[in-house]
Amino acid sequence: MKRGVKFVGIGLAAGLLVIQFFHPEKNTGPLDPAEDLLMIASPPEHLAELIKNSCYDCHSNQTVYPWYSNISPVSWYLQKHIKEGKEDLNASEYGSMDKADKIK
């Protein structure tokens, strides 16, 4: 019994070590100020700072990643979260959205 637990533990540790070599692509796309939500909407500075700090990591092409984003499988979860956020609203491409999507 103890031998089986030991092999399972070694197998899990080896698996976690191997997956550290596989990371998703970082979300660092192009930045066009003419398309950016904050440039188009021109909110007050305190509100623009709040939006940038709270929303832009998941809803734009300029994600600032935390330190733990370099650890798999956390990096995969974050990438999925960012992808879903950009599907709802990509603030970096706000200017190219059609009017119905902007209202939504």
N, C-alpha and C. Protein backbone atom coordinates (compact mmCIF):
# COMPACT_ATOMS: atom_id res chain seq x y z
N MET A 1 0.82 -1.20 0.00
CA MET A 1 0.00 0.00 0.00
C MET A 1 0.86 1.26 0.00
N LYS A 2 1.87 1.30 0.89
CA LYS A 2 2.73 2.48 0.96
C LYS A 2 3.51 2.66 -0.34
N ARG A 3 3.88 1.56 -0.95
CA ARG A 3 4.64 1.63 -2.20
C ARG A 3 3.79 2.23 -3.33
N GLY A 4 2.53 1.88 -3.37
CA GLY A 4 1.62 2.42 -4.38
C GLY A 4 1.42 3.92 -4.21
N VAL A 5 1.27 4.37 -2.97
CA VAL A 5 1.10 5.79 -2.68
C VAL A 5 2.36 6.55 -3.08
N LYS A 6 3.50 5.96 -2.83
CA LYS A 6 4.78 6.59 -3.18
C LYS A 6 4.89 6.76 -4.69
N PHE A 7 4.52 5.74 -5.46
CA PHE A 7 4.59 5.83 -6.92
C PHE A 7 3.59 6.86 -7.47
N VAL A 8 2.41 6.90 -6.87
CA VAL A 8 1.42 7.90 -7.29
C VAL A 8 1.94 9.30 -7.01
N GLY A 9 2.53 9.51 -5.86
CA GLY A 9 3.10 10.80 -5.50
C GLY A 9 4.22 11.21 -6.44
N ILE A 10 5.10 10.28 -6.76
CA ILE A 10 6.19 10.56 -7.70
C ILE A 10 5.63 10.85 -9.09
N GLY A 11 4.61 10.11 -9.48
CA GLY A 11 3.99 10.34 -10.79
C GLY A 11 3.34 11.71 -10.89
N LEU A 12 2.64 12.13 -9.84
CA LEU A 12 2.02 13.45 -9.81
C LEU A 12 3.08 14.56 -9.85
N ALA A 13 4.14 14.39 -9.07
CA ALA A 13 5.21 15.38 -9.06
C ALA A 13 5.87 15.48 -10.43
N ALA A 14 6.11 14.35 -11.08
CA ALA A 14 6.70 14.36 -12.41
C ALA A 14 5.76 15.01 -13.42
N GLY A 15 4.47 14.71 -13.31
CA GLY A 15 3.49 15.32 -14.21
C GLY A 15 3.45 16.83 -14.05
N LEU A 16 3.46 17.32 -12.81
CA LEU A 16 3.46 18.76 -12.57
C LEU A 16 4.74 19.41 -13.10
N LEU A 17 5.85 18.71 -13.00
CA LEU A 17 7.11 19.23 -13.52
C LEU A 17 7.08 19.32 -15.05
N VAL A 18 6.54 18.31 -15.70
CA VAL A 18 6.50 18.28 -17.17
C VAL A 18 5.58 19.37 -17.71
N ILE A 19 4.43 19.60 -17.09
CA ILE A 19 3.51 20.59 -17.64
C ILE A 19 4.02 22.02 -17.50
N GLN A 20 5.07 22.23 -16.70
CA GLN A 20 5.63 23.58 -16.59
C GLN A 20 6.28 24.06 -17.89
N PHE A 21 6.54 23.14 -18.80
CA PHE A 21 7.15 23.49 -20.09
C PHE A 21 6.12 23.89 -21.14
N PHE A 22 4.84 23.81 -20.81
CA PHE A 22 3.78 24.11 -21.76
C PHE A 22 2.94 25.28 -21.25
N HIS A 23 3.12 26.44 -21.87
CA HIS A 23 2.39 27.65 -21.48
C HIS A 23 1.63 28.20 -22.67
N PRO A 24 0.46 28.77 -22.43
CA PRO A 24 -0.29 29.40 -23.53
C PRO A 24 0.39 30.70 -23.96
N GLU A 25 0.01 31.17 -25.12
CA GLU A 25 0.54 32.42 -25.64
C GLU A 25 0.05 33.59 -24.78
N LYS A 26 0.92 34.54 -24.53
CA LYS A 26 0.57 35.71 -23.71
C LYS A 26 -0.34 36.66 -24.51
N ASN A 27 -1.19 37.36 -23.81
CA ASN A 27 -2.13 38.30 -24.41
C ASN A 27 -1.48 39.68 -24.52
N THR A 28 -0.66 39.85 -25.53
CA THR A 28 0.02 41.13 -25.75
C THR A 28 -0.15 41.52 -27.21
N GLY A 29 -1.37 41.80 -27.59
CA GLY A 29 -1.67 42.16 -28.97
C GLY A 29 -1.33 43.61 -29.27
N PRO A 30 -1.60 44.03 -30.47
CA PRO A 30 -1.29 45.40 -30.87
C PRO A 30 -2.19 46.41 -30.18
N LEU A 31 -1.67 47.59 -30.00
CA LEU A 31 -2.41 48.67 -29.36
C LEU A 31 -2.60 49.79 -30.38
N ASP A 32 -3.86 50.09 -30.70
CA ASP A 32 -4.19 51.20 -31.58
C ASP A 32 -5.00 52.20 -30.76
N PRO A 33 -4.41 53.32 -30.38
CA PRO A 33 -5.12 54.28 -29.53
C PRO A 33 -6.43 54.77 -30.14
N ALA A 34 -6.56 54.77 -31.44
CA ALA A 34 -7.79 55.24 -32.08
C ALA A 34 -8.95 54.27 -31.85
N GLU A 35 -8.66 53.03 -31.52
CA GLU A 35 -9.68 52.01 -31.29
C GLU A 35 -9.97 51.78 -29.81
N ASP A 36 -9.17 52.34 -28.92
CA ASP A 36 -9.25 52.06 -27.49
C ASP A 36 -10.47 52.70 -26.85
N LEU A 37 -11.13 51.98 -25.97
CA LEU A 37 -12.33 52.43 -25.27
C LEU A 37 -12.09 53.74 -24.52
N LEU A 38 -10.98 53.84 -23.81
CA LEU A 38 -10.73 55.03 -23.00
C LEU A 38 -10.44 56.25 -23.87
N MET A 39 -9.90 56.07 -25.03
CA MET A 39 -9.64 57.19 -25.93
C MET A 39 -10.94 57.65 -26.60
N ILE A 40 -11.80 56.72 -26.92
CA ILE A 40 -13.06 57.06 -27.60
C ILE A 40 -14.07 57.67 -26.62
N ALA A 41 -14.23 57.02 -25.46
CA ALA A 41 -15.24 57.46 -24.50
C ALA A 41 -14.80 58.67 -23.68
N SER A 42 -13.51 58.84 -23.49
CA SER A 42 -12.94 59.95 -22.71
C SER A 42 -13.63 60.13 -21.36
N PRO A 43 -13.59 59.09 -20.51
CA PRO A 43 -14.20 59.25 -19.17
C PRO A 43 -13.32 60.14 -18.30
N PRO A 44 -13.85 60.62 -17.17
CA PRO A 44 -13.02 61.39 -16.24
C PRO A 44 -11.81 60.56 -15.80
N GLU A 45 -10.73 61.24 -15.44
CA GLU A 45 -9.47 60.55 -15.16
C GLU A 45 -9.58 59.50 -14.05
N HIS A 46 -10.30 59.80 -12.98
CA HIS A 46 -10.43 58.82 -11.89
C HIS A 46 -11.19 57.58 -12.35
N LEU A 47 -12.18 57.76 -13.21
CA LEU A 47 -12.94 56.63 -13.74
C LEU A 47 -12.10 55.85 -14.75
N ALA A 48 -11.33 56.54 -15.58
CA ALA A 48 -10.46 55.87 -16.56
C ALA A 48 -9.42 55.01 -15.84
N GLU A 49 -8.88 55.52 -14.75
CA GLU A 49 -7.89 54.76 -13.98
C GLU A 49 -8.54 53.52 -13.36
N LEU A 50 -9.74 53.66 -12.86
CA LEU A 50 -10.46 52.53 -12.28
C LEU A 50 -10.73 51.46 -13.33
N ILE A 51 -11.19 51.88 -14.50
CA ILE A 51 -11.47 50.93 -15.59
C ILE A 51 -10.18 50.23 -16.01
N LYS A 52 -9.12 50.98 -16.18
CA LYS A 52 -7.86 50.40 -16.62
C LYS A 52 -7.33 49.40 -15.60
N ASN A 53 -7.39 49.74 -14.32
CA ASN A 53 -6.88 48.84 -13.28
C ASN A 53 -7.76 47.63 -13.05
N SER A 54 -9.07 47.78 -13.22
CA SER A 54 -9.99 46.70 -12.89
C SER A 54 -10.37 45.82 -14.08
N CYS A 55 -10.40 46.38 -15.28
CA CYS A 55 -10.99 45.66 -16.41
C CYS A 55 -10.01 45.29 -17.52
N TYR A 56 -9.00 46.09 -17.71
CA TYR A 56 -8.16 45.93 -18.90
C TYR A 56 -7.33 44.65 -18.93
N ASP A 57 -7.04 44.05 -17.79
CA ASP A 57 -6.26 42.82 -17.81
C ASP A 57 -6.99 41.69 -18.53
N CYS A 58 -8.30 41.62 -18.38
CA CYS A 58 -9.08 40.55 -19.02
C CYS A 58 -9.83 41.01 -20.26
N HIS A 59 -10.04 42.31 -20.41
CA HIS A 59 -10.88 42.83 -21.48
C HIS A 59 -10.11 43.74 -22.45
N SER A 60 -8.84 43.45 -22.68
CA SER A 60 -8.06 44.23 -23.64
C SER A 60 -6.91 43.38 -24.16
N ASN A 61 -6.10 43.98 -25.02
CA ASN A 61 -4.92 43.29 -25.56
C ASN A 61 -3.67 43.61 -24.75
N GLN A 62 -3.80 44.24 -23.62
CA GLN A 62 -2.65 44.62 -22.80
C GLN A 62 -2.75 44.03 -21.40
N THR A 63 -2.67 42.74 -21.29
CA THR A 63 -2.76 42.09 -20.00
C THR A 63 -1.46 42.23 -19.23
N VAL A 64 -1.57 42.63 -17.97
CA VAL A 64 -0.44 42.64 -17.05
C VAL A 64 -0.60 41.38 -16.19
N TYR A 65 0.28 40.43 -16.39
CA TYR A 65 0.14 39.13 -15.73
C TYR A 65 0.73 39.14 -14.32
N PRO A 66 0.04 38.49 -13.36
CA PRO A 66 0.60 38.34 -12.02
C PRO A 66 1.73 37.30 -12.03
N TRP A 67 2.49 37.23 -10.97
CA TRP A 67 3.64 36.32 -10.92
C TRP A 67 3.23 34.86 -11.09
N TYR A 68 2.07 34.50 -10.57
CA TYR A 68 1.64 33.09 -10.60
C TYR A 68 1.13 32.65 -11.97
N SER A 69 1.08 33.57 -12.92
CA SER A 69 0.64 33.19 -14.27
C SER A 69 1.69 32.37 -15.00
N ASN A 70 2.88 32.24 -14.45
CA ASN A 70 3.92 31.42 -15.06
C ASN A 70 3.90 29.98 -14.57
N ILE A 71 2.93 29.63 -13.77
CA ILE A 71 2.82 28.28 -13.22
C ILE A 71 1.66 27.57 -13.91
N SER A 72 1.96 26.45 -14.54
CA SER A 72 0.89 25.64 -15.14
C SER A 72 0.30 24.78 -14.04
N PRO A 73 -0.95 24.55 -14.01
CA PRO A 73 -2.04 24.83 -14.92
C PRO A 73 -2.74 26.17 -14.68
N VAL A 74 -2.22 26.99 -13.75
CA VAL A 74 -2.83 28.30 -13.49
C VAL A 74 -2.79 29.16 -14.76
N SER A 75 -1.69 29.07 -15.51
CA SER A 75 -1.57 29.87 -16.74
C SER A 75 -2.66 29.50 -17.74
N TRP A 76 -3.04 28.24 -17.80
CA TRP A 76 -4.10 27.81 -18.72
C TRP A 76 -5.44 28.39 -18.28
N TYR A 77 -5.70 28.37 -16.97
CA TYR A 77 -6.94 28.93 -16.45
C TYR A 77 -7.03 30.43 -16.75
N LEU A 78 -5.95 31.15 -16.51
CA LEU A 78 -5.94 32.59 -16.77
C LEU A 78 -6.16 32.89 -18.25
N GLN A 79 -5.53 32.11 -19.12
CA GLN A 79 -5.69 32.34 -20.55
C GLN A 79 -7.14 32.10 -20.98
N LYS A 80 -7.77 31.07 -20.43
CA LYS A 80 -9.18 30.81 -20.73
C LYS A 80 -10.05 31.97 -20.24
N HIS A 81 -9.77 32.47 -19.05
CA HIS A 81 -10.52 33.58 -18.47
C HIS A 81 -10.37 34.84 -19.32
N ILE A 82 -9.17 35.12 -19.77
CA ILE A 82 -8.91 36.29 -20.62
C ILE A 82 -9.62 36.14 -21.96
N LYS A 83 -9.57 34.95 -22.54
CA LYS A 83 -10.23 34.71 -23.83
C LYS A 83 -11.74 34.96 -23.72
N GLU A 84 -12.35 34.45 -22.64
CA GLU A 84 -13.78 34.65 -22.44
C GLU A 84 -14.10 36.13 -22.20
N GLY A 85 -13.25 36.83 -21.47
CA GLY A 85 -13.47 38.24 -21.22
C GLY A 85 -13.40 39.07 -22.49
N LYS A 86 -12.45 38.73 -23.36
CA LYS A 86 -12.31 39.48 -24.61
C LYS A 86 -13.44 39.16 -25.58
N GLU A 87 -14.06 37.99 -25.46
CA GLU A 87 -15.22 37.69 -26.30
C GLU A 87 -16.40 38.59 -25.92
N ASP A 88 -16.55 38.89 -24.64
CA ASP A 88 -17.62 39.78 -24.19
C ASP A 88 -17.33 41.23 -24.55
N LEU A 89 -16.12 41.69 -24.28
CA LEU A 89 -15.74 43.07 -24.58
C LEU A 89 -14.23 43.13 -24.69
N ASN A 90 -13.74 43.60 -25.82
CA ASN A 90 -12.31 43.86 -25.98
C ASN A 90 -12.15 45.38 -26.08
N ALA A 91 -11.72 45.99 -24.99
CA ALA A 91 -11.61 47.45 -24.93
C ALA A 91 -10.57 47.98 -25.92
N SER A 92 -9.62 47.16 -26.32
CA SER A 92 -8.60 47.58 -27.28
C SER A 92 -9.16 47.69 -28.69
N GLU A 93 -10.29 47.05 -28.95
CA GLU A 93 -10.90 47.07 -30.29
C GLU A 93 -12.31 47.67 -30.24
N TYR A 94 -12.56 48.51 -29.26
CA TYR A 94 -13.89 49.09 -29.06
C TYR A 94 -14.34 49.92 -30.26
N GLY A 95 -13.43 50.65 -30.88
CA GLY A 95 -13.77 51.51 -32.00
C GLY A 95 -14.23 50.75 -33.23
N SER A 96 -13.80 49.51 -33.39
CA SER A 96 -14.18 48.73 -34.56
C SER A 96 -15.44 47.88 -34.33
N MET A 97 -16.00 47.94 -33.12
CA MET A 97 -17.23 47.19 -32.84
C MET A 97 -18.41 47.89 -33.49
N ASP A 98 -19.43 47.10 -33.87
CA ASP A 98 -20.63 47.75 -34.43
C ASP A 98 -21.48 48.32 -33.28
N LYS A 99 -22.38 49.19 -33.62
CA LYS A 99 -23.14 49.94 -32.64
C LYS A 99 -23.96 49.03 -31.72
N ALA A 100 -24.54 47.96 -32.25
CA ALA A 100 -25.35 47.05 -31.44
C ALA A 100 -24.51 46.39 -30.36
N ASP A 101 -23.27 46.00 -30.69
CA ASP A 101 -22.39 45.39 -29.70
C ASP A 101 -21.95 46.40 -28.64
N LYS A 102 -21.75 47.65 -29.06
CA LYS A 102 -21.37 48.67 -28.08
C LYS A 102 -22.48 48.91 -27.08
N ILE A 103 -23.72 48.91 -27.54
CA ILE A 103 -24.86 49.10 -26.65
C ILE A 103 -25.02 47.92 -25.71
N LYS A 104 -24.83 46.73 -26.24
CA LYS A 104 -24.95 45.51 -25.44
C LYS A 104 -23.92 45.52 -24.33
